[in-house]
Amino acid sequence: MSADLALNAGDITKIGVGVIVVLVVLGILASLLITAIIGRIIVLLVVVVLGVLVWQQRTSIENKIDKRDCNFSFFGYHFDPPDSLKQYCATKPG
């Protein structure tokens, strides 16, 4: 009975080629999946960082409005104060 279960060299070659093909296909699929996941993680990180930066700038401007400061900038771009402060800034000495 053990002679019926024996593998010959041709069977081993076929099994080896089949395993290699399956491994290559799995590798390609895994690389596509990992690339997609890494891309999504990078986009998520960029969006979160930009959101935090915008929130900090917004908070800074809000604090300047509360302190009645007349110099406003958002990411280095200077702009006029809001209408509620324009008259105050125009009459402010200095």
N, C-alpha and C. Protein backbone atom coordinates (compact mmCIF):
# COMPACT_ATOMS: atom_id res chain seq x y z
N MET A 1 0.79 -1.18 0.00
CA MET A 1 0.00 0.00 0.00
C MET A 1 0.85 1.26 0.00
N SER A 2 1.96 1.27 0.64
CA SER A 2 2.79 2.46 0.69
C SER A 2 3.34 2.82 -0.68
N ALA A 3 3.42 1.87 -1.58
CA ALA A 3 3.92 2.14 -2.93
C ALA A 3 2.92 3.00 -3.70
N ASP A 4 1.64 2.89 -3.43
CA ASP A 4 0.63 3.69 -4.12
C ASP A 4 0.69 5.17 -3.71
N LEU A 5 1.15 5.45 -2.50
CA LEU A 5 1.19 6.82 -1.99
C LEU A 5 2.51 7.52 -2.30
N ALA A 6 3.43 6.85 -2.88
CA ALA A 6 4.75 7.44 -3.15
C ALA A 6 4.65 8.46 -4.27
N LEU A 7 5.44 9.52 -4.15
CA LEU A 7 5.51 10.55 -5.17
C LEU A 7 6.74 10.33 -6.03
N ASN A 8 6.61 10.56 -7.30
CA ASN A 8 7.79 10.47 -8.15
C ASN A 8 8.29 11.89 -8.43
N ALA A 9 9.39 12.02 -9.13
CA ALA A 9 10.02 13.31 -9.39
C ALA A 9 9.10 14.24 -10.18
N GLY A 10 8.31 13.74 -11.09
CA GLY A 10 7.39 14.54 -11.88
C GLY A 10 6.31 15.16 -11.01
N ASP A 11 5.82 14.39 -10.05
CA ASP A 11 4.79 14.91 -9.14
C ASP A 11 5.36 16.03 -8.26
N ILE A 12 6.56 15.83 -7.78
CA ILE A 12 7.21 16.84 -6.93
C ILE A 12 7.40 18.13 -7.73
N THR A 13 7.80 18.02 -8.99
CA THR A 13 8.00 19.20 -9.83
C THR A 13 6.68 19.94 -10.03
N LYS A 14 5.61 19.20 -10.31
CA LYS A 14 4.30 19.83 -10.49
C LYS A 14 3.83 20.53 -9.21
N ILE A 15 4.01 19.88 -8.10
CA ILE A 15 3.60 20.47 -6.81
C ILE A 15 4.45 21.72 -6.54
N GLY A 16 5.73 21.65 -6.80
CA GLY A 16 6.62 22.80 -6.58
C GLY A 16 6.24 23.99 -7.44
N VAL A 17 5.95 23.73 -8.71
CA VAL A 17 5.53 24.82 -9.61
C VAL A 17 4.20 25.39 -9.16
N GLY A 18 3.28 24.55 -8.75
CA GLY A 18 1.98 25.02 -8.27
C GLY A 18 2.12 25.88 -7.02
N VAL A 19 2.96 25.46 -6.10
CA VAL A 19 3.18 26.23 -4.87
C VAL A 19 3.82 27.58 -5.20
N ILE A 20 4.78 27.59 -6.11
CA ILE A 20 5.44 28.84 -6.50
C ILE A 20 4.43 29.79 -7.15
N VAL A 21 3.58 29.29 -8.02
CA VAL A 21 2.57 30.14 -8.67
C VAL A 21 1.62 30.71 -7.63
N VAL A 22 1.17 29.89 -6.69
CA VAL A 22 0.26 30.36 -5.63
C VAL A 22 0.95 31.42 -4.77
N LEU A 23 2.21 31.21 -4.42
CA LEU A 23 2.94 32.18 -3.61
C LEU A 23 3.13 33.50 -4.35
N VAL A 24 3.40 33.45 -5.65
CA VAL A 24 3.56 34.68 -6.43
C VAL A 24 2.24 35.44 -6.49
N VAL A 25 1.15 34.73 -6.74
CA VAL A 25 -0.16 35.38 -6.80
C VAL A 25 -0.52 35.98 -5.44
N LEU A 26 -0.30 35.24 -4.37
CA LEU A 26 -0.57 35.77 -3.03
C LEU A 26 0.32 36.97 -2.72
N GLY A 27 1.57 36.93 -3.16
CA GLY A 27 2.47 38.06 -2.95
C GLY A 27 2.01 39.30 -3.68
N ILE A 28 1.56 39.13 -4.91
CA ILE A 28 1.06 40.27 -5.69
C ILE A 28 -0.19 40.85 -5.03
N LEU A 29 -1.11 39.98 -4.63
CA LEU A 29 -2.33 40.46 -3.96
C LEU A 29 -2.01 41.16 -2.64
N ALA A 30 -1.08 40.59 -1.88
CA ALA A 30 -0.69 41.20 -0.60
C ALA A 30 -0.03 42.56 -0.83
N SER A 31 0.80 42.67 -1.86
CA SER A 31 1.46 43.95 -2.12
C SER A 31 0.44 45.01 -2.53
N LEU A 32 -0.56 44.64 -3.31
CA LEU A 32 -1.60 45.60 -3.69
C LEU A 32 -2.41 46.03 -2.47
N LEU A 33 -2.74 45.09 -1.62
CA LEU A 33 -3.50 45.39 -0.41
C LEU A 33 -2.70 46.27 0.53
N ILE A 34 -1.45 45.93 0.75
CA ILE A 34 -0.59 46.71 1.65
C ILE A 34 -0.38 48.11 1.09
N THR A 35 -0.18 48.23 -0.23
CA THR A 35 -0.01 49.54 -0.85
C THR A 35 -1.26 50.39 -0.65
N ALA A 36 -2.42 49.80 -0.81
CA ALA A 36 -3.68 50.53 -0.61
C ALA A 36 -3.83 50.96 0.84
N ILE A 37 -3.51 50.08 1.76
CA ILE A 37 -3.63 50.40 3.18
C ILE A 37 -2.64 51.49 3.57
N ILE A 38 -1.40 51.37 3.12
CA ILE A 38 -0.39 52.38 3.44
C ILE A 38 -0.78 53.72 2.82
N GLY A 39 -1.29 53.71 1.61
CA GLY A 39 -1.75 54.95 0.98
C GLY A 39 -2.85 55.59 1.78
N ARG A 40 -3.79 54.82 2.25
CA ARG A 40 -4.89 55.36 3.06
C ARG A 40 -4.38 55.90 4.39
N ILE A 41 -3.43 55.21 4.98
CA ILE A 41 -2.87 55.68 6.25
C ILE A 41 -2.14 57.01 6.05
N ILE A 42 -1.38 57.13 4.96
CA ILE A 42 -0.66 58.37 4.67
C ILE A 42 -1.66 59.51 4.45
N VAL A 43 -2.70 59.26 3.68
CA VAL A 43 -3.72 60.30 3.45
C VAL A 43 -4.38 60.68 4.77
N LEU A 44 -4.70 59.71 5.60
CA LEU A 44 -5.31 59.98 6.90
C LEU A 44 -4.40 60.84 7.76
N LEU A 45 -3.11 60.51 7.81
CA LEU A 45 -2.17 61.29 8.61
C LEU A 45 -2.06 62.72 8.10
N VAL A 46 -2.01 62.90 6.79
CA VAL A 46 -1.91 64.25 6.21
C VAL A 46 -3.16 65.05 6.57
N VAL A 47 -4.33 64.45 6.45
CA VAL A 47 -5.57 65.15 6.76
C VAL A 47 -5.63 65.52 8.24
N VAL A 48 -5.23 64.61 9.11
CA VAL A 48 -5.25 64.88 10.55
C VAL A 48 -4.28 66.01 10.90
N VAL A 49 -3.06 65.97 10.35
CA VAL A 49 -2.08 67.02 10.63
C VAL A 49 -2.57 68.36 10.13
N LEU A 50 -3.11 68.41 8.91
CA LEU A 50 -3.64 69.67 8.39
C LEU A 50 -4.81 70.17 9.23
N GLY A 51 -5.66 69.27 9.67
CA GLY A 51 -6.77 69.65 10.53
C GLY A 51 -6.29 70.26 11.84
N VAL A 52 -5.28 69.66 12.45
CA VAL A 52 -4.72 70.18 13.70
C VAL A 52 -4.11 71.56 13.46
N LEU A 53 -3.36 71.73 12.37
CA LEU A 53 -2.75 73.03 12.07
C LEU A 53 -3.80 74.11 11.85
N VAL A 54 -4.84 73.80 11.10
CA VAL A 54 -5.90 74.77 10.86
C VAL A 54 -6.61 75.11 12.18
N TRP A 55 -6.84 74.11 13.02
CA TRP A 55 -7.50 74.35 14.30
C TRP A 55 -6.65 75.27 15.18
N GLN A 56 -5.33 75.06 15.20
CA GLN A 56 -4.44 75.92 15.98
C GLN A 56 -4.46 77.35 15.45
N GLN A 57 -4.44 77.52 14.13
CA GLN A 57 -4.49 78.85 13.56
C GLN A 57 -5.82 79.53 13.88
N ARG A 58 -6.89 78.79 13.81
CA ARG A 58 -8.21 79.33 14.13
C ARG A 58 -8.26 79.78 15.58
N THR A 59 -7.72 78.97 16.47
CA THR A 59 -7.69 79.32 17.88
C THR A 59 -6.84 80.56 18.11
N SER A 60 -5.74 80.67 17.42
CA SER A 60 -4.87 81.84 17.54
C SER A 60 -5.60 83.11 17.11
N ILE A 61 -6.31 83.05 16.00
CA ILE A 61 -7.06 84.20 15.51
C ILE A 61 -8.20 84.54 16.48
N GLU A 62 -8.87 83.53 16.99
CA GLU A 62 -9.94 83.76 17.96
C GLU A 62 -9.41 84.45 19.20
N ASN A 63 -8.24 84.04 19.67
CA ASN A 63 -7.62 84.68 20.84
C ASN A 63 -7.25 86.13 20.54
N LYS A 64 -6.76 86.40 19.33
CA LYS A 64 -6.41 87.78 18.95
C LYS A 64 -7.65 88.65 18.89
N ILE A 65 -8.76 88.11 18.42
CA ILE A 65 -10.01 88.87 18.40
C ILE A 65 -10.45 89.18 19.82
N ASP A 66 -10.35 88.20 20.71
CA ASP A 66 -10.75 88.41 22.11
C ASP A 66 -9.86 89.45 22.78
N LYS A 67 -8.57 89.50 22.43
CA LYS A 67 -7.63 90.46 23.02
C LYS A 67 -7.63 91.80 22.28
N ARG A 68 -8.43 91.88 21.22
CA ARG A 68 -8.53 93.08 20.39
C ARG A 68 -7.19 93.43 19.76
N ASP A 69 -6.48 92.42 19.33
CA ASP A 69 -5.23 92.60 18.58
C ASP A 69 -5.59 92.87 17.12
N CYS A 70 -4.86 93.78 16.48
CA CYS A 70 -5.21 94.18 15.11
C CYS A 70 -4.37 93.51 14.04
N ASN A 71 -3.41 92.68 14.42
CA ASN A 71 -2.56 91.99 13.44
C ASN A 71 -3.02 90.54 13.30
N PHE A 72 -3.55 90.23 12.14
CA PHE A 72 -4.08 88.89 11.90
C PHE A 72 -3.30 88.21 10.77
N SER A 73 -2.99 86.94 10.99
CA SER A 73 -2.36 86.17 9.92
C SER A 73 -2.84 84.73 10.03
N PHE A 74 -2.94 84.11 8.88
CA PHE A 74 -3.36 82.71 8.79
C PHE A 74 -2.34 81.99 7.94
N PHE A 75 -1.52 81.15 8.55
CA PHE A 75 -0.42 80.47 7.88
C PHE A 75 0.51 81.47 7.19
N GLY A 76 0.77 82.59 7.85
CA GLY A 76 1.71 83.57 7.33
C GLY A 76 1.11 84.61 6.41
N TYR A 77 -0.14 84.48 6.04
CA TYR A 77 -0.80 85.46 5.17
C TYR A 77 -1.56 86.46 6.05
N HIS A 78 -1.17 87.72 5.94
CA HIS A 78 -1.80 88.76 6.74
C HIS A 78 -3.11 89.20 6.09
N PHE A 79 -4.09 89.50 6.92
CA PHE A 79 -5.37 89.95 6.41
C PHE A 79 -5.97 90.96 7.37
N ASP A 80 -6.97 91.68 6.89
CA ASP A 80 -7.62 92.72 7.69
C ASP A 80 -8.40 92.10 8.84
N PRO A 81 -8.54 92.88 9.92
CA PRO A 81 -9.34 92.37 11.04
C PRO A 81 -10.81 92.28 10.64
N PRO A 82 -11.59 91.54 11.39
CA PRO A 82 -13.02 91.45 11.08
C PRO A 82 -13.69 92.81 11.29
N ASP A 83 -14.87 92.95 10.71
CA ASP A 83 -15.60 94.22 10.77
C ASP A 83 -15.81 94.70 12.20
N SER A 84 -15.98 93.78 13.13
CA SER A 84 -16.22 94.18 14.52
C SER A 84 -15.01 94.88 15.14
N LEU A 85 -13.81 94.71 14.58
CA LEU A 85 -12.61 95.34 15.11
C LEU A 85 -12.04 96.44 14.22
N LYS A 86 -12.55 96.61 13.03
CA LYS A 86 -11.97 97.58 12.10
C LYS A 86 -11.97 99.01 12.67
N GLN A 87 -13.07 99.43 13.27
CA GLN A 87 -13.13 100.77 13.83
C GLN A 87 -12.17 100.91 15.00
N TYR A 88 -12.11 99.89 15.85
CA TYR A 88 -11.19 99.93 16.98
C TYR A 88 -9.74 100.03 16.50
N CYS A 89 -9.38 99.23 15.51
CA CYS A 89 -8.00 99.23 14.99
C CYS A 89 -7.68 100.56 14.30
N ALA A 90 -8.66 101.19 13.68
CA ALA A 90 -8.43 102.48 12.99
C ALA A 90 -8.18 103.59 14.01
N THR A 91 -8.80 103.51 15.18
CA THR A 91 -8.63 104.55 16.19
C THR A 91 -7.58 104.21 17.24
N LYS A 92 -7.04 103.05 17.18
CA LYS A 92 -6.05 102.60 18.16
C LYS A 92 -4.76 103.41 17.98
N PRO A 93 -4.23 103.98 19.05
CA PRO A 93 -2.97 104.72 18.93
C PRO A 93 -1.80 103.77 18.68
N GLY A 94 -0.86 104.22 17.94
CA GLY A 94 0.34 103.42 17.74
C GLY A 94 0.50 103.09 16.35
